[in-house]
């Protein structure tokens, strides 16, 4: 799932902030969740999206290290 293909202008995507997006994405994948690639969305923020069992788009986000 490509982030630019899954998020349309005006839509809201709830995100869960994680300390390590690679590990969080791997954990979801191991549980059978289809997770999109990690995308750098600017300013050091990395984002990956996935859908819950109801089809709602959600994301995991890693903010830049301070």
N, C-alpha and C. Protein backbone atom coordinates (compact mmCIF):
# COMPACT_ATOMS: atom_id res chain seq x y z
N UNK A 1 0.85 -1.16 0.00
CA UNK A 1 0.00 0.00 0.00
C UNK A 1 0.90 1.23 0.00
N UNK A 2 0.79 2.03 -1.00
CA UNK A 2 1.57 3.26 -1.11
C UNK A 2 0.81 4.38 -0.42
N UNK A 3 1.49 5.11 0.44
CA UNK A 3 0.84 6.18 1.21
C UNK A 3 0.11 7.15 0.30
N UNK A 4 0.71 7.55 -0.80
CA UNK A 4 0.07 8.53 -1.68
C UNK A 4 -1.17 7.96 -2.35
N UNK A 5 -1.27 6.64 -2.47
CA UNK A 5 -2.45 6.02 -3.06
C UNK A 5 -3.56 5.82 -2.05
N UNK A 6 -3.22 5.84 -0.75
CA UNK A 6 -4.20 5.49 0.27
C UNK A 6 -4.78 6.68 1.03
N UNK A 7 -4.16 7.83 0.95
CA UNK A 7 -4.63 9.00 1.70
C UNK A 7 -5.05 10.07 0.71
N UNK A 8 -6.32 10.45 0.79
CA UNK A 8 -6.84 11.48 -0.10
C UNK A 8 -6.99 12.78 0.67
N UNK A 9 -6.89 13.92 -0.02
CA UNK A 9 -7.06 15.21 0.66
C UNK A 9 -8.39 15.25 1.41
N UNK A 10 -8.35 15.75 2.63
CA UNK A 10 -9.55 15.88 3.43
C UNK A 10 -9.84 14.69 4.32
N UNK A 11 -9.13 13.58 4.14
CA UNK A 11 -9.32 12.41 4.98
C UNK A 11 -8.42 12.49 6.21
N UNK A 12 -8.86 11.86 7.27
CA UNK A 12 -8.08 11.82 8.51
C UNK A 12 -7.55 10.40 8.69
N UNK A 13 -6.28 10.30 9.05
CA UNK A 13 -5.68 9.01 9.35
C UNK A 13 -5.12 9.09 10.77
N UNK A 14 -5.71 8.32 11.68
CA UNK A 14 -5.19 8.27 13.04
C UNK A 14 -3.87 7.52 13.02
N UNK A 15 -2.89 8.04 13.76
CA UNK A 15 -1.59 7.39 13.79
C UNK A 15 -1.18 7.09 15.23
N UNK A 16 -0.42 6.03 15.37
CA UNK A 16 0.15 5.64 16.65
C UNK A 16 1.63 6.00 16.60
N UNK A 17 2.09 6.81 17.54
CA UNK A 17 3.49 7.21 17.57
C UNK A 17 4.30 6.09 18.22
N UNK A 18 5.36 5.67 17.54
CA UNK A 18 6.23 4.61 18.03
C UNK A 18 7.67 5.11 18.08
N UNK A 19 8.47 4.48 18.92
CA UNK A 19 9.88 4.85 19.01
C UNK A 19 10.71 4.24 17.90
N UNK A 20 10.29 3.07 17.40
CA UNK A 20 11.04 2.35 16.36
C UNK A 20 10.05 1.83 15.33
N UNK A 21 9.89 2.56 14.24
CA UNK A 21 8.88 2.20 13.23
C UNK A 21 9.21 0.89 12.52
N UNK A 22 10.48 0.58 12.36
CA UNK A 22 10.87 -0.67 11.70
C UNK A 22 10.40 -1.87 12.54
N UNK A 23 10.65 -1.82 13.83
CA UNK A 23 10.24 -2.91 14.73
C UNK A 23 8.71 -2.98 14.83
N UNK A 24 8.05 -1.85 14.92
CA UNK A 24 6.59 -1.82 15.02
C UNK A 24 5.96 -2.39 13.74
N UNK A 25 6.49 -2.01 12.59
CA UNK A 25 5.98 -2.52 11.31
C UNK A 25 6.19 -4.03 11.22
N UNK A 26 7.36 -4.50 11.62
CA UNK A 26 7.65 -5.92 11.59
C UNK A 26 6.71 -6.70 12.50
N UNK A 27 6.43 -6.16 13.67
CA UNK A 27 5.53 -6.81 14.62
C UNK A 27 4.12 -6.94 14.03
N UNK A 28 3.63 -5.90 13.37
CA UNK A 28 2.32 -5.96 12.73
C UNK A 28 2.31 -6.98 11.60
N UNK A 29 3.36 -6.97 10.80
CA UNK A 29 3.47 -7.92 9.68
C UNK A 29 3.46 -9.35 10.18
N UNK A 30 4.18 -9.62 11.26
CA UNK A 30 4.23 -10.96 11.84
C UNK A 30 2.87 -11.42 12.35
N UNK A 31 2.00 -10.47 12.66
CA UNK A 31 0.65 -10.79 13.13
C UNK A 31 -0.34 -10.89 11.97
N UNK A 32 0.17 -10.80 10.73
CA UNK A 32 -0.68 -10.96 9.55
C UNK A 32 -1.28 -9.68 9.01
N UNK A 33 -0.86 -8.53 9.53
CA UNK A 33 -1.38 -7.24 9.05
C UNK A 33 -0.60 -6.84 7.80
N UNK A 34 -1.33 -6.43 6.77
CA UNK A 34 -0.69 -5.92 5.56
C UNK A 34 -0.35 -4.45 5.78
N UNK A 35 0.94 -4.19 5.93
CA UNK A 35 1.41 -2.84 6.27
C UNK A 35 2.16 -2.27 5.07
N UNK A 36 1.89 -1.02 4.75
CA UNK A 36 2.56 -0.36 3.64
C UNK A 36 4.01 -0.07 3.96
N UNK A 37 4.74 0.38 2.96
CA UNK A 37 6.15 0.70 3.17
C UNK A 37 6.32 1.91 4.09
N UNK A 38 7.48 2.01 4.67
CA UNK A 38 7.80 3.17 5.51
C UNK A 38 8.15 4.33 4.57
N UNK A 39 7.48 5.45 4.77
CA UNK A 39 7.66 6.62 3.92
C UNK A 39 8.16 7.79 4.76
N UNK A 40 9.18 8.47 4.25
CA UNK A 40 9.66 9.70 4.89
C UNK A 40 8.75 10.82 4.40
N UNK A 41 7.98 11.41 5.31
CA UNK A 41 7.02 12.45 4.92
C UNK A 41 7.55 13.86 5.17
N UNK A 42 8.83 13.95 5.49
CA UNK A 42 9.46 15.26 5.69
C UNK A 42 9.73 15.57 7.14
N UNK A 43 10.71 16.41 7.36
CA UNK A 43 11.10 16.88 8.69
C UNK A 43 11.47 15.74 9.64
N UNK A 44 11.95 14.62 9.08
CA UNK A 44 12.37 13.49 9.90
C UNK A 44 11.26 12.57 10.36
N UNK A 45 10.04 12.82 9.90
CA UNK A 45 8.90 11.98 10.28
C UNK A 45 8.77 10.83 9.30
N UNK A 46 8.63 9.61 9.85
CA UNK A 46 8.42 8.42 9.02
C UNK A 46 7.04 7.86 9.32
N UNK A 47 6.36 7.39 8.28
CA UNK A 47 4.98 6.94 8.41
C UNK A 47 4.77 5.67 7.61
N UNK A 48 3.95 4.78 8.14
CA UNK A 48 3.53 3.57 7.43
C UNK A 48 2.05 3.37 7.74
N UNK A 49 1.28 3.00 6.73
CA UNK A 49 -0.16 2.85 6.93
C UNK A 49 -0.59 1.39 6.80
N UNK A 50 -1.74 1.12 7.41
CA UNK A 50 -2.35 -0.21 7.35
C UNK A 50 -3.84 -0.05 7.61
N UNK A 51 -4.61 -1.09 7.34
CA UNK A 51 -6.05 -1.06 7.59
C UNK A 51 -6.40 -2.01 8.73
N UNK A 52 -7.36 -1.57 9.55
CA UNK A 52 -7.84 -2.44 10.62
C UNK A 52 -8.86 -3.43 10.05
N UNK A 53 -9.42 -4.29 10.89
CA UNK A 53 -10.32 -5.33 10.40
C UNK A 53 -11.61 -4.77 9.79
N UNK A 54 -11.94 -3.51 10.10
CA UNK A 54 -13.12 -2.86 9.53
C UNK A 54 -12.79 -2.06 8.28
N UNK A 55 -11.52 -2.06 7.87
CA UNK A 55 -11.12 -1.34 6.66
C UNK A 55 -10.74 0.11 6.89
N UNK A 56 -10.66 0.54 8.15
CA UNK A 56 -10.25 1.91 8.45
C UNK A 56 -8.75 2.05 8.27
N UNK A 57 -8.32 3.13 7.65
CA UNK A 57 -6.90 3.38 7.44
C UNK A 57 -6.29 3.95 8.71
N UNK A 58 -5.21 3.34 9.18
CA UNK A 58 -4.49 3.76 10.37
C UNK A 58 -3.01 3.87 10.01
N UNK A 59 -2.24 4.46 10.90
CA UNK A 59 -0.82 4.57 10.62
C UNK A 59 0.02 4.42 11.88
N UNK A 60 1.28 4.09 11.65
CA UNK A 60 2.28 4.15 12.71
C UNK A 60 3.26 5.23 12.28
N UNK A 61 3.68 6.04 13.25
CA UNK A 61 4.53 7.20 12.94
C UNK A 61 5.70 7.27 13.90
N UNK A 62 6.87 7.51 13.35
CA UNK A 62 8.06 7.76 14.16
C UNK A 62 8.47 9.20 13.94
N UNK A 63 8.48 9.95 15.02
CA UNK A 63 8.91 11.36 14.95
C UNK A 63 10.44 11.43 14.99
N UNK A 64 11.00 12.56 14.58
CA UNK A 64 12.45 12.68 14.59
C UNK A 64 12.99 12.61 16.01
N UNK A 65 14.21 12.10 16.14
CA UNK A 65 14.87 12.06 17.43
C UNK A 65 15.22 13.48 17.85
N UNK A 66 15.01 13.79 19.11
CA UNK A 66 15.32 15.16 19.58
C UNK A 66 16.66 15.26 20.21
